[in-house]
Amino acid sequence: MLGLLALVFIALMIMLAIDLPWLIKEKMWRELAAYIVLVVLWLGLTIPQVLGITLPSPSSYIAEVFKPLSDLLKPTE
């Protein structure tokens, strides 16, 4: 498990070493911000998976949010 976690961080360091200098050199600040957001999301989903933590499906949250609307639009008999 720790080996996989180390592999994730090595992959992260390689990605950052390749992409960040170019984005900073070209002063692509919006692209840099988007890149950082995507990397944080990637880490947020990858690390729990590597550690064996099961994450709930996003569709369950979507169903929970739209259930009141569904109940409201359901035809009554």
Protein backbone atom coordinates (compact mmCIF):
# COMPACT_ATOMS: atom_id res chain seq x y z
CA MET A 1 0.00 0.00 0.00
CA LEU A 2 2.78 2.45 0.87
CA GLY A 3 4.55 1.49 -2.35
CA LEU A 4 1.50 2.48 -4.38
CA LEU A 5 1.20 5.72 -2.44
CA ALA A 6 4.87 6.46 -3.14
CA LEU A 7 4.25 5.71 -6.83
CA VAL A 8 1.38 8.21 -6.87
CA PHE A 9 3.60 10.91 -5.40
CA ILE A 10 6.44 10.09 -7.80
CA ALA A 11 4.00 10.40 -10.71
CA LEU A 12 2.82 13.71 -9.26
CA MET A 13 6.36 15.05 -9.00
CA ILE A 14 7.13 14.03 -12.59
CA MET A 15 3.95 15.69 -13.87
CA LEU A 16 4.67 18.88 -11.95
CA ALA A 17 8.32 18.94 -13.06
CA ILE A 18 7.25 18.69 -16.69
CA ASP A 19 4.26 21.04 -16.74
CA LEU A 20 4.80 23.75 -14.11
CA PRO A 21 8.00 25.38 -15.41
CA TRP A 22 6.49 25.86 -18.87
CA LEU A 23 3.21 27.26 -17.53
CA ILE A 24 5.08 29.69 -15.27
CA LYS A 25 7.58 30.69 -17.98
CA GLU A 26 4.77 31.44 -20.43
CA LYS A 27 2.83 33.26 -17.67
CA MET A 28 -0.27 31.17 -18.28
CA TRP A 29 -1.78 31.90 -14.89
CA ARG A 30 -5.36 30.78 -15.63
CA GLU A 31 -4.13 27.53 -17.13
CA LEU A 32 -1.86 27.06 -14.12
CA ALA A 33 -4.80 27.56 -11.76
CA ALA A 34 -6.92 25.07 -13.72
CA TYR A 35 -4.02 22.60 -13.74
CA ILE A 36 -3.61 22.87 -9.97
CA VAL A 37 -7.35 22.37 -9.41
CA LEU A 38 -7.32 19.24 -11.58
CA VAL A 39 -4.23 17.87 -9.82
CA VAL A 40 -5.86 18.42 -6.41
CA LEU A 41 -9.02 16.63 -7.61
CA TRP A 42 -6.88 13.80 -8.98
CA LEU A 43 -5.07 13.45 -5.67
CA GLY A 44 -8.34 13.64 -3.75
CA LEU A 45 -9.72 10.71 -5.70
CA THR A 46 -6.51 8.69 -6.04
CA ILE A 47 -5.17 8.70 -2.48
CA PRO A 48 -8.31 7.23 -0.84
CA GLN A 49 -8.45 4.58 -3.56
CA VAL A 50 -4.81 3.62 -2.95
CA LEU A 51 -5.46 3.46 0.80
CA GLY A 52 -8.45 1.17 0.24
CA ILE A 53 -11.10 3.69 1.27
CA THR A 54 -14.30 3.29 -0.73
CA LEU A 55 -15.80 6.55 -1.90
CA PRO A 56 -19.54 6.89 -2.46
CA SER A 57 -20.80 7.23 -6.00
CA PRO A 58 -21.53 10.78 -7.14
CA SER A 59 -24.79 9.57 -8.64
CA SER A 60 -26.16 8.88 -5.15
CA TYR A 61 -25.63 12.54 -4.25
CA ILE A 62 -27.26 13.69 -7.48
CA ALA A 63 -30.26 11.46 -6.85
CA GLU A 64 -30.58 12.83 -3.31
CA VAL A 65 -30.48 16.43 -4.54
CA PHE A 66 -33.11 15.92 -7.25
CA LYS A 67 -35.43 13.60 -5.29
CA PRO A 68 -37.63 16.45 -3.96
CA LEU A 69 -38.07 17.78 -7.50
CA SER A 70 -38.89 14.29 -8.75
CA ASP A 71 -41.48 13.85 -6.01
CA LEU A 72 -42.99 17.23 -6.86
CA LEU A 73 -43.33 16.40 -10.55
CA LYS A 74 -44.61 12.86 -10.00
CA PRO A 75 -48.25 12.59 -11.17
CA THR A 76 -50.75 11.97 -8.40
CA GLU A 77 -53.62 9.59 -8.80
